[in-house]
Amino acid sequence: MILKRARTLTWVSAAIILISLGFLILVPQLFVGNSFLISTFVFANIYSILAMSWDLLSGYTGQISFGHSFFFGIGAYTSALLSMHLGWSPLYTIPLGGVMASLGGLLVATPALRLRGPYLSLITLVSALGIDQLIRVLKLGSTGAEGAIQCEIDLATGVNHCVPPISANEVEVYYFALGLMVCIAIFLIFLVRSRIGLAFEAIRDDEEAAEAAGIDAKKYKILAFMISGFLAGLAGAVMVHKMQQASPGLVLDLNISIEAIVASVLGGMGTILGPVGGAYFYILIRELLRPFGQWRLFAVFVIALLILLFIPRGVLAEIRLRLMHWIKSEKPKEPQQGARA
């Protein structure tokens, strides 16, 4: 009976994933002409990537980050500057933004290897604050105040130069973001089930025991930072081409880090797909409540707080736990007295 229930759970989970994916594929057809809603789903895909990147580092490896806007912003500025000043296609600059953010992960991880708990979190927070101030002071290739990259007019030709979009068609942008999100989710699912993922979890559960078992904790922590940074950089790069501008307030704000954490915790840390659901929930609620002005963020965080109070493990993690209890609840029948052995 337990095996039968486990198979049922597998099929139900697969069906839910396929139905959700099918719905997301049909979003442009279901909401034809509703550019606002399609744009909202683009943002949801971007934040799903960011939330998954945070979940890999914090949910699976146990390295709690309060500064994921550091990686997000590096990816955004790298892609924006390369595409705007060198004329490169976003299809090339977006991966390069991820690479630069990955190097940023290496930069943060190296001095933080011996730190744990709140001290490590503090390093990530200070990194995000530092890069924010650095961009504002240096104004690297920017055209606006305090490091902002905005459209500029070439006085000689009269051409208006902006950060180029991924596509002029919003539907194509949506499918690009959706495809990237799905590919990253598949990659991470396979990664966390590999030996690397097992090493991440071992470090999270007990780093000293993991090292005693022969796991090089420093190497795997650096790897986690670099992979997480690369994915967050991709999210930032896609965001900057979606918005066609960049500024510290737009791509380096600490609210970005907070939103990644909220999305991951809402969906369930250490699940990969949980942060995707959490990101969709958070972004859709945030954007649909936009008519309420400044009150919308208050309402979003109240809803998030209620969910965290009553479902502290996160929605997906709680569902998975309850289903596991359901699978194990069936006790094997005892043989009747007098039955042959």
C-alpha atoms as a PDB file:
ATOM      1  CA  MET A   1       0.000   0.000   0.000  1.00  0.00           C
ATOM      2  CA  ILE A   2       2.857   2.384   0.820  1.00  0.00           C
ATOM      3  CA  LEU A   3       4.417   1.774  -2.596  1.00  0.00           C
ATOM      4  CA  LYS A   4       1.050   2.362  -4.255  1.00  0.00           C
ATOM      5  CA  ARG A   5       0.583   5.653  -2.413  1.00  0.00           C
ATOM      6  CA  ALA A   6       4.098   6.763  -3.305  1.00  0.00           C
ATOM      7  CA  ARG A   7       3.404   6.083  -6.977  1.00  0.00           C
ATOM      8  CA  THR A   8       0.130   7.994  -6.707  1.00  0.00           C
ATOM      9  CA  LEU A   9       1.979  10.951  -5.165  1.00  0.00           C
ATOM     10  CA  THR A  10       4.531  10.897  -7.989  1.00  0.00           C
ATOM     11  CA  TRP A  11       1.847  10.913 -10.653  1.00  0.00           C
ATOM     12  CA  VAL A  12      -0.147  13.650  -8.897  1.00  0.00           C
ATOM     13  CA  SER A  13       2.982  15.824  -8.528  1.00  0.00           C
ATOM     14  CA  ALA A  14       3.897  15.313 -12.171  1.00  0.00           C
ATOM     15  CA  ALA A  15       0.338  16.160 -13.243  1.00  0.00           C
ATOM     16  CA  ILE A  16       0.314  19.377 -11.195  1.00  0.00           C
ATOM     17  CA  ILE A  17       3.663  20.453 -12.663  1.00  0.00           C
ATOM     18  CA  LEU A  18       2.554  19.704 -16.224  1.00  0.00           C
ATOM     19  CA  ILE A  19      -0.786  21.478 -15.784  1.00  0.00           C
ATOM     20  CA  SER A  20       0.970  24.535 -14.301  1.00  0.00           C
ATOM     21  CA  LEU A  21       3.504  24.571 -17.119  1.00  0.00           C
ATOM     22  CA  GLY A  22       0.756  24.176 -19.704  1.00  0.00           C
ATOM     23  CA  PHE A  23      -1.085  27.136 -18.197  1.00  0.00           C
ATOM     24  CA  LEU A  24       2.053  29.282 -18.273  1.00  0.00           C
ATOM     25  CA  ILE A  25       2.667  28.380 -21.909  1.00  0.00           C
ATOM     26  CA  LEU A  26      -0.883  29.463 -22.774  1.00  0.00           C
ATOM     27  CA  VAL A  27      -0.803  32.742 -20.798  1.00  0.00           C
ATOM     28  CA  PRO A  28      -0.303  34.981 -23.895  1.00  0.00           C
ATOM     29  CA  GLN A  29      -3.209  33.220 -25.635  1.00  0.00           C
ATOM     30  CA  LEU A  30      -5.467  33.326 -22.573  1.00  0.00           C
ATOM     31  CA  PHE A  31      -4.825  37.030 -21.961  1.00  0.00           C
ATOM     32  CA  VAL A  32      -4.566  38.381 -25.496  1.00  0.00           C
ATOM     33  CA  GLY A  33      -4.115  42.139 -25.523  1.00  0.00           C
ATOM     34  CA  ASN A  34      -3.559  42.346 -21.748  1.00  0.00           C
ATOM     35  CA  SER A  35       0.000  43.651 -21.842  1.00  0.00           C
ATOM     36  CA  PHE A  36      -0.049  44.522 -18.136  1.00  0.00           C
ATOM     37  CA  LEU A  37      -0.777  40.943 -17.060  1.00  0.00           C
ATOM     38  CA  ILE A  38       1.715  39.448 -19.514  1.00  0.00           C
ATOM     39  CA  SER A  39       4.343  41.886 -18.249  1.00  0.00           C
ATOM     40  CA  THR A  40       3.495  40.843 -14.682  1.00  0.00           C
ATOM     41  CA  PHE A  41       4.134  37.205 -15.585  1.00  0.00           C
ATOM     42  CA  VAL A  42       7.503  38.245 -17.057  1.00  0.00           C
ATOM     43  CA  PHE A  43       8.445  39.766 -13.702  1.00  0.00           C
ATOM     44  CA  ALA A  44       7.216  36.602 -11.969  1.00  0.00           C
ATOM     45  CA  ASN A  45       9.541  34.505 -14.128  1.00  0.00           C
ATOM     46  CA  ILE A  46      12.474  36.798 -13.349  1.00  0.00           C
ATOM     47  CA  TYR A  47      11.819  36.680  -9.617  1.00  0.00           C
ATOM     48  CA  SER A  48      11.386  32.901  -9.813  1.00  0.00           C
ATOM     49  CA  ILE A  49      14.967  32.660 -11.107  1.00  0.00           C
ATOM     50  CA  LEU A  50      16.176  34.969  -8.347  1.00  0.00           C
ATOM     51  CA  ALA A  51      14.296  33.027  -5.668  1.00  0.00           C
ATOM     52  CA  MET A  52      15.650  29.677  -6.897  1.00  0.00           C
ATOM     53  CA  SER A  53      19.188  31.084  -6.829  1.00  0.00           C
ATOM     54  CA  TRP A  54      18.692  32.163  -3.208  1.00  0.00           C
ATOM     55  CA  ASP A  55      17.167  28.797  -2.309  1.00  0.00           C
ATOM     56  CA  LEU A  56      20.173  26.921  -3.678  1.00  0.00           C
ATOM     57  CA  LEU A  57      22.577  28.923  -1.521  1.00  0.00           C
ATOM     58  CA  SER A  58      20.458  29.340   1.603  1.00  0.00           C
ATOM     59  CA  GLY A  59      17.857  26.583   1.475  1.00  0.00           C
ATOM     60  CA  TYR A  60      20.148  23.770   0.342  1.00  0.00           C
ATOM     61  CA  THR A  61      23.596  24.842   1.499  1.00  0.00           C
ATOM     62  CA  GLY A  62      22.552  26.728   4.619  1.00  0.00           C
ATOM     63  CA  GLN A  63      24.521  29.891   3.752  1.00  0.00           C
ATOM     64  CA  ILE A  64      21.897  32.523   4.541  1.00  0.00           C
ATOM     65  CA  SER A  65      22.273  35.521   2.246  1.00  0.00           C
ATOM     66  CA  PHE A  66      20.788  38.950   2.912  1.00  0.00           C
ATOM     67  CA  GLY A  67      22.496  40.514  -0.079  1.00  0.00           C
ATOM     68  CA  HIS A  68      21.367  38.754  -3.228  1.00  0.00           C
ATOM     69  CA  SER A  69      20.775  42.167  -4.770  1.00  0.00           C
ATOM     70  CA  PHE A  70      24.599  42.245  -5.043  1.00  0.00           C
ATOM     71  CA  PHE A  71      24.552  39.484  -7.684  1.00  0.00           C
ATOM     72  CA  PHE A  72      21.325  40.756  -9.250  1.00  0.00           C
ATOM     73  CA  GLY A  73      22.789  44.242  -9.710  1.00  0.00           C
ATOM     74  CA  ILE A  74      26.145  43.049 -11.087  1.00  0.00           C
ATOM     75  CA  GLY A  75      24.370  41.000 -13.742  1.00  0.00           C
ATOM     76  CA  ALA A  76      22.085  43.917 -14.600  1.00  0.00           C
ATOM     77  CA  TYR A  77      24.820  46.540 -14.929  1.00  0.00           C
ATOM     78  CA  THR A  78      27.166  44.231 -16.839  1.00  0.00           C
ATOM     79  CA  SER A  79      24.558  43.380 -19.452  1.00  0.00           C
ATOM     80  CA  ALA A  80      23.285  46.955 -19.710  1.00  0.00           C
ATOM     81  CA  LEU A  81      26.727  48.485 -20.233  1.00  0.00           C
ATOM     82  CA  LEU A  82      27.899  45.878 -22.741  1.00  0.00           C
ATOM     83  CA  SER A  83      24.742  46.032 -24.836  1.00  0.00           C
ATOM     84  CA  MET A  84      24.389  49.802 -24.736  1.00  0.00           C
ATOM     85  CA  HIS A  85      27.983  50.890 -25.339  1.00  0.00           C
ATOM     86  CA  LEU A  86      29.336  47.978 -27.386  1.00  0.00           C
ATOM     87  CA  GLY A  87      26.141  47.244 -29.257  1.00  0.00           C
ATOM     88  CA  TRP A  88      26.116  43.561 -28.312  1.00  0.00           C
ATOM     89  CA  SER A  89      22.900  41.582 -28.430  1.00  0.00           C
ATOM     90  CA  PRO A  90      21.184  40.860 -25.097  1.00  0.00           C
ATOM     91  CA  LEU A  91      21.439  37.155 -26.010  1.00  0.00           C
ATOM     92  CA  TYR A  92      25.205  37.512 -25.485  1.00  0.00           C
ATOM     93  CA  THR A  93      25.294  40.076 -22.699  1.00  0.00           C
ATOM     94  CA  ILE A  94      22.784  38.297 -20.430  1.00  0.00           C
ATOM     95  CA  PRO A  95      25.026  35.205 -19.978  1.00  0.00           C
ATOM     96  CA  LEU A  96      28.027  37.513 -19.504  1.00  0.00           C
ATOM     97  CA  GLY A  97      26.096  39.292 -16.783  1.00  0.00           C
ATOM     98  CA  GLY A  98      25.645  35.927 -15.092  1.00  0.00           C
ATOM     99  CA  VAL A  99      29.375  35.198 -15.414  1.00  0.00           C
ATOM    100  CA  MET A 100      30.319  38.521 -13.803  1.00  0.00           C
ATOM    101  CA  ALA A 101      27.848  37.887 -10.974  1.00  0.00           C
ATOM    102  CA  SER A 102      29.368  34.427 -10.519  1.00  0.00           C
ATOM    103  CA  LEU A 103      32.789  36.042 -10.109  1.00  0.00           C
ATOM    104  CA  GLY A 104      31.127  38.322  -7.597  1.00  0.00           C
ATOM    105  CA  GLY A 105      30.010  35.198  -5.754  1.00  0.00           C
ATOM    106  CA  LEU A 106      33.616  34.041  -5.675  1.00  0.00           C
ATOM    107  CA  LEU A 107      34.640  37.460  -4.370  1.00  0.00           C
ATOM    108  CA  VAL A 108      32.120  37.272  -1.523  1.00  0.00           C
ATOM    109  CA  ALA A 109      32.665  33.607  -0.678  1.00  0.00           C
ATOM    110  CA  THR A 110      36.447  33.703  -0.408  1.00  0.00           C
ATOM    111  CA  PRO A 111      36.749  35.995   2.636  1.00  0.00           C
ATOM    112  CA  ALA A 112      33.596  34.524   4.183  1.00  0.00           C
ATOM    113  CA  LEU A 113      34.674  30.876   4.152  1.00  0.00           C
ATOM    114  CA  ARG A 114      35.472  30.782   7.839  1.00  0.00           C
ATOM    115  CA  LEU A 115      32.354  32.679   8.862  1.00  0.00           C
ATOM    116  CA  ARG A 116      29.055  31.104   9.776  1.00  0.00           C
ATOM    117  CA  GLY A 117      25.588  32.127  10.836  1.00  0.00           C
ATOM    118  CA  PRO A 118      24.909  35.858  11.260  1.00  0.00           C
ATOM    119  CA  TYR A 119      28.495  36.818  10.410  1.00  0.00           C
ATOM    120  CA  LEU A 120      28.222  35.277   6.952  1.00  0.00           C
ATOM    121  CA  SER A 121      24.836  36.931   6.431  1.00  0.00           C
ATOM    122  CA  LEU A 122      26.374  40.239   7.468  1.00  0.00           C
ATOM    123  CA  ILE A 123      29.110  39.859   4.821  1.00  0.00           C
ATOM    124  CA  THR A 124      26.494  39.388   2.087  1.00  0.00           C
ATOM    125  CA  LEU A 125      24.523  42.381   3.354  1.00  0.00           C
ATOM    126  CA  VAL A 126      27.591  44.625   3.463  1.00  0.00           C
ATOM    127  CA  SER A 127      28.526  43.488  -0.068  1.00  0.00           C
ATOM    128  CA  ALA A 128      25.138  44.589  -1.386  1.00  0.00           C
ATOM    129  CA  LEU A 129      25.368  47.949   0.373  1.00  0.00           C
ATOM    130  CA  GLY A 130      28.948  48.420  -0.829  1.00  0.00           C
ATOM    131  CA  ILE A 131      28.250  47.789  -4.526  1.00  0.00           C
ATOM    132  CA  ASP A 132      25.252  50.139  -4.301  1.00  0.00           C
ATOM    133  CA  GLN A 133      27.428  52.972  -3.031  1.00  0.00           C
ATOM    134  CA  LEU A 134      30.254  52.149  -5.462  1.00  0.00           C
ATOM    135  CA  ILE A 135      27.942  52.442  -8.474  1.00  0.00           C
ATOM    136  CA  ARG A 136      26.591  55.751  -7.191  1.00  0.00           C
ATOM    137  CA  VAL A 137      30.066  57.210  -6.667  1.00  0.00           C
ATOM    138  CA  LEU A 138      31.860  55.936  -9.780  1.00  0.00           C
ATOM    139  CA  LYS A 139      28.914  56.286 -12.204  1.00  0.00           C
ATOM    140  CA  LEU A 140      30.428  53.570 -14.403  1.00  0.00           C
ATOM    141  CA  GLY A 141      29.416  54.433 -17.949  1.00  0.00           C
ATOM    142  CA  SER A 142      26.130  55.790 -16.687  1.00  0.00           C
ATOM    143  CA  THR A 143      24.142  58.587 -18.237  1.00  0.00           C
ATOM    144  CA  GLY A 144      21.974  59.581 -15.292  1.00  0.00           C
ATOM    145  CA  ALA A 145      22.344  60.771 -11.736  1.00  0.00           C
ATOM    146  CA  GLU A 146      23.944  58.486  -9.128  1.00  0.00           C
ATOM    147  CA  GLY A 147      24.954  55.747 -11.496  1.00  0.00           C
ATOM    148  CA  ALA A 148      21.659  55.420 -13.369  1.00  0.00           C
ATOM    149  CA  ILE A 149      21.784  54.133 -16.943  1.00  0.00           C
ATOM    150  CA  GLN A 150      19.128  55.902 -18.986  1.00  0.00           C
ATOM    151  CA  CYS A 151      18.387  56.661 -22.596  1.00  0.00           C
ATOM    152  CA  GLU A 152      20.726  59.190 -24.190  1.00  0.00           C
ATOM    153  CA  ILE A 153      20.462  61.091 -27.453  1.00  0.00           C
ATOM    154  CA  ASP A 154      23.424  61.137 -29.854  1.00  0.00           C
ATOM    155  CA  LEU A 155      23.700  64.845 -30.718  1.00  0.00           C
ATOM    156  CA  ALA A 156      25.458  64.079 -33.999  1.00  0.00           C
ATOM    157  CA  THR A 157      22.858  61.682 -35.354  1.00  0.00           C
ATOM    158  CA  GLY A 158      19.852  62.424 -33.180  1.00  0.00           C
ATOM    159  CA  VAL A 159      19.485  58.706 -32.424  1.00  0.00           C
ATOM    160  CA  ASN A 160      18.082  57.802 -29.011  1.00  0.00           C
ATOM    161  CA  HIS A 161      20.291  55.132 -27.384  1.00  0.00           C
ATOM    162  CA  CYS A 162      18.696  52.990 -24.703  1.00  0.00           C
ATOM    163  CA  VAL A 163      19.376  49.640 -23.123  1.00  0.00           C
ATOM    164  CA  PRO A 164      18.044  47.380 -25.900  1.00  0.00           C
ATOM    165  CA  PRO A 165      15.096  45.113 -25.138  1.00  0.00           C
ATOM    166  CA  ILE A 166      15.294  41.361 -25.594  1.00  0.00           C
ATOM    167  CA  SER A 167      12.524  41.810 -28.149  1.00  0.00           C
ATOM    168  CA  ALA A 168      10.085  44.530 -29.118  1.00  0.00           C
ATOM    169  CA  ASN A 169       7.323  41.943 -28.783  1.00  0.00           C
ATOM    170  CA  GLU A 170       6.220  41.468 -25.155  1.00  0.00           C
ATOM    171  CA  VAL A 171       5.014  37.927 -25.857  1.00  0.00           C
ATOM    172  CA  GLU A 172       8.479  36.942 -27.093  1.00  0.00           C
ATOM    173  CA  VAL A 173      10.009  38.466 -23.956  1.00  0.00           C
ATOM    174  CA  TYR A 174       7.576  36.427 -21.878  1.00  0.00           C
ATOM    175  CA  TYR A 175       8.480  33.153 -23.570  1.00  0.00           C
ATOM    176  CA  PHE A 176      12.187  33.967 -23.274  1.00  0.00           C
ATOM    177  CA  ALA A 177      11.855  34.545 -19.511  1.00  0.00           C
ATOM    178  CA  LEU A 178       9.631  31.487 -19.096  1.00  0.00           C
ATOM    179  CA  GLY A 179      11.989  29.244 -21.071  1.00  0.00           C
ATOM    180  CA  LEU A 180      14.994  30.461 -19.087  1.00  0.00           C
ATOM    181  CA  MET A 181      13.166  29.897 -15.803  1.00  0.00           C
ATOM    182  CA  VAL A 182      12.113  26.363 -16.754  1.00  0.00           C
ATOM    183  CA  CYS A 183      15.624  25.442 -17.932  1.00  0.00           C
ATOM    184  CA  ILE A 184      17.123  26.727 -14.679  1.00  0.00           C
ATOM    185  CA  ALA A 185      14.532  24.836 -12.617  1.00  0.00           C
ATOM    186  CA  ILE A 186      15.323  21.581 -14.449  1.00  0.00           C
ATOM    187  CA  PHE A 187      19.058  22.170 -14.031  1.00  0.00           C
ATOM    188  CA  LEU A 188      18.701  22.810 -10.295  1.00  0.00           C
ATOM    189  CA  ILE A 189      16.465  19.781  -9.746  1.00  0.00           C
ATOM    190  CA  PHE A 190      19.112  17.543 -11.277  1.00  0.00           C
ATOM    191  CA  LEU A 191      21.880  19.390  -9.436  1.00  0.00           C
ATOM    192  CA  VAL A 192      20.399  18.989  -5.952  1.00  0.00           C
ATOM    193  CA  ARG A 193      19.828  15.286  -6.593  1.00  0.00           C
ATOM    194  CA  SER A 194      23.436  14.770  -7.630  1.00  0.00           C
ATOM    195  CA  ARG A 195      26.475  14.223  -5.429  1.00  0.00           C
ATOM    196  CA  ILE A 196      26.987  17.982  -5.395  1.00  0.00           C
ATOM    197  CA  GLY A 197      23.492  18.502  -4.024  1.00  0.00           C
ATOM    198  CA  LEU A 198      24.045  15.862  -1.356  1.00  0.00           C
ATOM    199  CA  ALA A 199      27.245  17.647  -0.344  1.00  0.00           C
ATOM    200  CA  PHE A 200      25.343  20.945  -0.110  1.00  0.00           C
ATOM    201  CA  GLU A 201      22.753  19.369   2.184  1.00  0.00           C
ATOM    202  CA  ALA A 202      25.408  17.709   4.323  1.00  0.00           C
ATOM    203  CA  ILE A 203      27.096  21.087   4.848  1.00  0.00           C
ATOM    204  CA  ARG A 204      23.764  22.651   5.728  1.00  0.00           C
ATOM    205  CA  ASP A 205      22.868  19.962   8.256  1.00  0.00           C
ATOM    206  CA  ASP A 206      26.262  19.688   9.979  1.00  0.00           C
ATOM    207  CA  GLU A 207      29.350  21.234   8.413  1.00  0.00           C
ATOM    208  CA  GLU A 208      31.784  19.640  10.869  1.00  0.00           C
ATOM    209  CA  ALA A 209      30.314  16.182  10.299  1.00  0.00           C
ATOM    210  CA  ALA A 210      30.441  16.757   6.533  1.00  0.00           C
ATOM    211  CA  GLU A 211      34.130  17.621   6.713  1.00  0.00           C
ATOM    212  CA  ALA A 212      34.760  14.566   8.898  1.00  0.00           C
ATOM    213  CA  ALA A 213      33.106  12.473   6.178  1.00  0.00           C
ATOM    214  CA  GLY A 214      35.603  13.781   3.624  1.00  0.00           C
ATOM    215  CA  ILE A 215      33.543  16.597   2.066  1.00  0.00           C
ATOM    216  CA  ASP A 216      35.585  19.693   1.224  1.00  0.00           C
ATOM    217  CA  ALA A 217      33.171  22.234   2.717  1.00  0.00           C
ATOM    218  CA  LYS A 218      35.130  25.260   1.502  1.00  0.00           C
ATOM    219  CA  LYS A 219      35.116  24.066  -2.088  1.00  0.00           C
ATOM    220  CA  TYR A 220      31.396  23.324  -2.095  1.00  0.00           C
ATOM    221  CA  LYS A 221      30.492  26.591  -0.373  1.00  0.00           C
ATOM    222  CA  ILE A 222      32.420  28.535  -3.027  1.00  0.00           C
ATOM    223  CA  LEU A 223      30.671  26.486  -5.720  1.00  0.00           C
ATOM    224  CA  ALA A 224      27.271  27.236  -4.182  1.00  0.00           C
ATOM    225  CA  PHE A 225      28.037  30.958  -4.077  1.00  0.00           C
ATOM    226  CA  MET A 226      29.209  30.974  -7.696  1.00  0.00           C
ATOM    227  CA  ILE A 227      26.235  29.010  -9.075  1.00  0.00           C
ATOM    228  CA  SER A 228      23.786  31.062  -7.033  1.00  0.00           C
ATOM    229  CA  GLY A 229      25.473  34.293  -8.116  1.00  0.00           C
ATOM    230  CA  PHE A 230      25.400  33.251 -11.771  1.00  0.00           C
ATOM    231  CA  LEU A 231      21.655  32.547 -11.663  1.00  0.00           C
ATOM    232  CA  ALA A 232      20.861  35.749  -9.772  1.00  0.00           C
ATOM    233  CA  GLY A 233      22.999  37.647 -12.308  1.00  0.00           C
ATOM    234  CA  LEU A 234      20.958  36.159 -15.143  1.00  0.00           C
ATOM    235  CA  ALA A 235      17.782  37.349 -13.436  1.00  0.00           C
ATOM    236  CA  GLY A 236      19.206  40.859 -13.074  1.00  0.00           C
ATOM    237  CA  ALA A 237      20.348  40.934 -16.687  1.00  0.00           C
ATOM    238  CA  VAL A 238      16.903  39.911 -17.956  1.00  0.00           C
ATOM    239  CA  MET A 239      15.323  42.525 -15.700  1.00  0.00           C
ATOM    240  CA  VAL A 240      17.468  45.380 -17.045  1.00  0.00           C
ATOM    241  CA  HIS A 241      16.558  44.541 -20.647  1.00  0.00           C
ATOM    242  CA  LYS A 242      12.927  44.295 -19.660  1.00  0.00           C
ATOM    243  CA  MET A 243      13.021  47.736 -18.009  1.00  0.00           C
ATOM    244  CA  GLN A 244      15.531  49.181 -20.547  1.00  0.00           C
ATOM    245  CA  GLN A 245      17.234  51.122 -17.799  1.00  0.00           C
ATOM    246  CA  ALA A 246      19.275  50.513 -14.674  1.00  0.00           C
ATOM    247  CA  SER A 247      19.844  52.360 -11.434  1.00  0.00           C
ATOM    248  CA  PRO A 248      20.951  51.428  -7.924  1.00  0.00           C
ATOM    249  CA  GLY A 249      17.388  51.894  -6.732  1.00  0.00           C
ATOM    250  CA  LEU A 250      16.065  49.582  -9.433  1.00  0.00           C
ATOM    251  CA  VAL A 251      18.512  46.646  -9.425  1.00  0.00           C
ATOM    252  CA  LEU A 252      20.581  47.041  -6.233  1.00  0.00           C
ATOM    253  CA  ASP A 253      17.918  47.915  -3.686  1.00  0.00           C
ATOM    254  CA  LEU A 254      17.847  45.691  -0.590  1.00  0.00           C
ATOM    255  CA  ASN A 255      14.143  45.141  -1.173  1.00  0.00           C
ATOM    256  CA  ILE A 256      15.196  42.823  -4.003  1.00  0.00           C
ATOM    257  CA  SER A 257      17.034  40.614  -1.515  1.00  0.00           C
ATOM    258  CA  ILE A 258      14.062  40.702   0.854  1.00  0.00           C
ATOM    259  CA  GLU A 259      11.634  39.785  -1.926  1.00  0.00           C
ATOM    260  CA  ALA A 260      13.804  36.813  -2.925  1.00  0.00           C
ATOM    261  CA  ILE A 261      13.792  35.594   0.674  1.00  0.00           C
ATOM    262  CA  VAL A 262      10.038  36.112   1.065  1.00  0.00           C
ATOM    263  CA  ALA A 263       9.291  34.220  -2.164  1.00  0.00           C
ATOM    264  CA  SER A 264      11.537  31.309  -1.144  1.00  0.00           C
ATOM    265  CA  VAL A 265      10.167  31.059   2.383  1.00  0.00           C
ATOM    266  CA  LEU A 266       6.562  31.334   1.211  1.00  0.00           C
ATOM    267  CA  GLY A 267       6.995  28.480  -1.249  1.00  0.00           C
ATOM    268  CA  GLY A 268       9.252  26.406   0.964  1.00  0.00           C
ATOM    269  CA  MET A 269      13.015  26.526   1.396  1.00  0.00           C
ATOM    270  CA  GLY A 270      15.037  23.616   0.100  1.00  0.00           C
ATOM    271  CA  THR A 271      12.507  22.615  -2.555  1.00  0.00           C
ATOM    272  CA  ILE A 272      13.568  24.528  -5.737  1.00  0.00           C
ATOM    273  CA  LEU A 273      10.018  24.545  -7.113  1.00  0.00           C
ATOM    274  CA  GLY A 274       8.628  26.067  -3.918  1.00  0.00           C
ATOM    275  CA  PRO A 275      10.371  29.404  -4.537  1.00  0.00           C
ATOM    276  CA  VAL A 276       8.891  29.437  -8.057  1.00  0.00           C
ATOM    277  CA  GLY A 277       5.381  29.191  -6.637  1.00  0.00           C
ATOM    278  CA  GLY A 278       6.261  31.715  -3.943  1.00  0.00           C
ATOM    279  CA  ALA A 279       7.611  34.164  -6.520  1.00  0.00           C
ATOM    280  CA  TYR A 280       4.507  33.876  -8.697  1.00  0.00           C
ATOM    281  CA  PHE A 281       2.242  34.356  -5.689  1.00  0.00           C
ATOM    282  CA  TYR A 282       4.204  37.342  -4.391  1.00  0.00           C
ATOM    283  CA  ILE A 283       4.578  39.145  -7.733  1.00  0.00           C
ATOM    284  CA  LEU A 284       0.994  38.555  -8.889  1.00  0.00           C
ATOM    285  CA  ILE A 285      -0.446  39.767  -5.585  1.00  0.00           C
ATOM    286  CA  ARG A 286       1.913  42.757  -5.542  1.00  0.00           C
ATOM    287  CA  GLU A 287       1.039  43.852  -9.064  1.00  0.00           C
ATOM    288  CA  LEU A 288      -2.687  43.139  -8.869  1.00  0.00           C
ATOM    289  CA  LEU A 289      -2.880  45.315  -5.746  1.00  0.00           C
ATOM    290  CA  ARG A 290      -1.106  48.190  -7.519  1.00  0.00           C
ATOM    291  CA  PRO A 291      -4.332  50.310  -7.630  1.00  0.00           C
ATOM    292  CA  PHE A 292      -4.084  50.561  -3.827  1.00  0.00           C
ATOM    293  CA  GLY A 293      -0.864  52.559  -4.145  1.00  0.00           C
ATOM    294  CA  GLN A 294       1.526  52.402  -1.209  1.00  0.00           C
ATOM    295  CA  TRP A 295      -0.888  50.210   0.746  1.00  0.00           C
ATOM    296  CA  ARG A 296      -0.288  47.312  -1.636  1.00  0.00           C
ATOM    297  CA  LEU A 297       3.131  46.425  -0.207  1.00  0.00           C
ATOM    298  CA  PHE A 298       1.708  46.576   3.295  1.00  0.00           C
ATOM    299  CA  ALA A 299      -1.081  44.204   2.244  1.00  0.00           C
ATOM    300  CA  VAL A 300       1.376  41.851   0.529  1.00  0.00           C
ATOM    301  CA  PHE A 301       3.590  41.604   3.597  1.00  0.00           C
ATOM    302  CA  VAL A 302       0.583  41.096   5.878  1.00  0.00           C
ATOM    303  CA  ILE A 303      -0.527  38.180   3.693  1.00  0.00           C
ATOM    304  CA  ALA A 304       3.019  36.819   3.686  1.00  0.00           C
ATOM    305  CA  LEU A 305       3.234  37.176   7.465  1.00  0.00           C
ATOM    306  CA  LEU A 306      -0.011  35.252   7.962  1.00  0.00           C
ATOM    307  CA  ILE A 307       1.221  32.449   5.720  1.00  0.00           C
ATOM    308  CA  LEU A 308       4.518  32.281   7.603  1.00  0.00           C
ATOM    309  CA  LEU A 309       2.717  32.195  10.950  1.00  0.00           C
ATOM    310  CA  PHE A 310       0.377  29.370  10.021  1.00  0.00           C
ATOM    311  CA  ILE A 311       2.579  27.529   7.488  1.00  0.00           C
ATOM    312  CA  PRO A 312       6.136  28.228   8.704  1.00  0.00           C
ATOM    313  CA  ARG A 313       7.698  25.557   6.478  1.00  0.00           C
ATOM    314  CA  GLY A 314       6.302  27.152   3.326  1.00  0.00           C
ATOM    315  CA  VAL A 315       3.363  26.033   1.223  1.00  0.00           C
ATOM    316  CA  LEU A 316       5.090  23.426  -0.949  1.00  0.00           C
ATOM    317  CA  ALA A 317       7.180  22.045   1.908  1.00  0.00           C
ATOM    318  CA  GLU A 318       4.067  21.711   4.073  1.00  0.00           C
ATOM    319  CA  ILE A 319       2.156  19.922   1.317  1.00  0.00           C
ATOM    320  CA  ARG A 320       5.070  17.569   0.723  1.00  0.00           C
ATOM    321  CA  LEU A 321       5.361  16.816   4.453  1.00  0.00           C
ATOM    322  CA  ARG A 322       1.663  16.055   4.790  1.00  0.00           C
ATOM    323  CA  LEU A 323       1.735  13.787   1.754  1.00  0.00           C
ATOM    324  CA  MET A 324       4.721  11.928   3.181  1.00  0.00           C
ATOM    325  CA  HIS A 325       2.788  11.410   6.418  1.00  0.00           C
ATOM    326  CA  TRP A 326      -0.134  10.143   4.347  1.00  0.00           C
ATOM    327  CA  ILE A 327       2.111   7.652   2.564  1.00  0.00           C
ATOM    328  CA  LYS A 328       3.569   6.336   5.808  1.00  0.00           C
ATOM    329  CA  SER A 329       0.266   6.271   7.714  1.00  0.00           C
ATOM    330  CA  GLU A 330      -0.794   2.917   6.258  1.00  0.00           C
ATOM    331  CA  LYS A 331       0.364   0.188   8.623  1.00  0.00           C
ATOM    332  CA  PRO A 332       0.985  -3.315   7.323  1.00  0.00           C
ATOM    333  CA  LYS A 333      -1.710  -5.787   8.274  1.00  0.00           C
ATOM    334  CA  GLU A 334      -0.746  -8.261  10.969  1.00  0.00           C
ATOM    335  CA  PRO A 335      -1.130 -11.936  10.073  1.00  0.00           C
ATOM    336  CA  GLN A 336      -4.173 -13.583  11.587  1.00  0.00           C
ATOM    337  CA  GLN A 337      -3.701 -16.086  14.350  1.00  0.00           C
ATOM    338  CA  GLY A 338      -3.405 -19.604  13.100  1.00  0.00           C
ATOM    339  CA  ALA A 339      -2.085 -18.503   9.724  1.00  0.00           C
ATOM    340  CA  ARG A 340       0.841 -20.432   8.395  1.00  0.00           C
ATOM    341  CA  ALA A 341       4.252 -18.822   8.629  1.00  0.00           C
END
